[in-house]
C-alpha cells in the first residue's frame, strides 16, 4: 500500500483535476494523468484515474438528450475507439515504458498546441463515414498505450460540426467508453491491483470536491482565460514528461 505522502499527492492531483473540470467542463483525465506520471509509472497512473474519470464522465455522457442521435451517427467511431484499447494496452507489458511516457508527453503537446492555436479541422459527412472508424482505431490504440483519450478523438468530434451540447455529450460518451475499456485492458494485462483500485475509488472524493470548487471559480474567472492557462500548463507538463522520460532511455 502507498505511504501517507503518496496518498496526499494523489488526493492533491485529483483536487486540481476536478477543479479544472469544474471550471471548463473537461480535462479531469488529461490533467490527472499528466500529473500522476510525474510521480508514478504510466500503468499505475492509468489505473488511478479509472474511477474518477468514469464516474465524472458518465453524467456528461447521459445528460443532454442527444444520446440516441449520437450513437446512430457515431457508433462506428465509438466502437473502434473502444475495442482497440486492448490492442494498445498490450504495449504496456512489451514496450519500454519510458517510450510510452514520452508518447504521452507528445500527445499532450499536440493537444495543447492545436487548441491554443485555435486550429479547427472540418470533415464533411461523406468523409466522416470512413474517417470516423479510422480515427477511432487510432484513438483506441493510443488510449491503451498512454491512457490519454483526446488525440485524435476530440479533434474528430470537433471537426464533424456537432452542436455544442452534442459535442459535450459525445466527448462524455467517448471518455466513459474509453475508461471502461482501459480498466478491462489493464486488468487483463495484470496491471490493475486491489490497492490501485481502492486508491482510485478514494480519489473520487477530492475529484468531486474540486469540481464543486471549480464551478464556484467559473463564476468569478473568465473561462476563456482559464482555458488558455490550462493548455499552457499542458504544454509545460508535456515537455516535462518527455524530458523525464528521456532519462529512462539513458538509464
Foldseek 3Di string as FASTA:
>chain_A
DDDPVVLVQLLVQLLQLLLLCLQQVDRNQPSQQLSVVVPDQQLLSLLLQLPLQQVVLVVLQPPQPCNVVCCVLQVLLLVLLQPLLLVLLVCVVPPPSLVLLLVSLVVLQVVLVCVLVVDAAADESVRCVPVRNVQSNVQSNNCNSGVDNVPPVLRSLRHHDDDPSVSSNVVSSSSNSSSVSNVVSCVVVVSHDPVSNVSSNVSNVSSNVSSVNNNVVNVVDPSVVSSNVVSVVSNVSSVVSNVVSVVVVVD
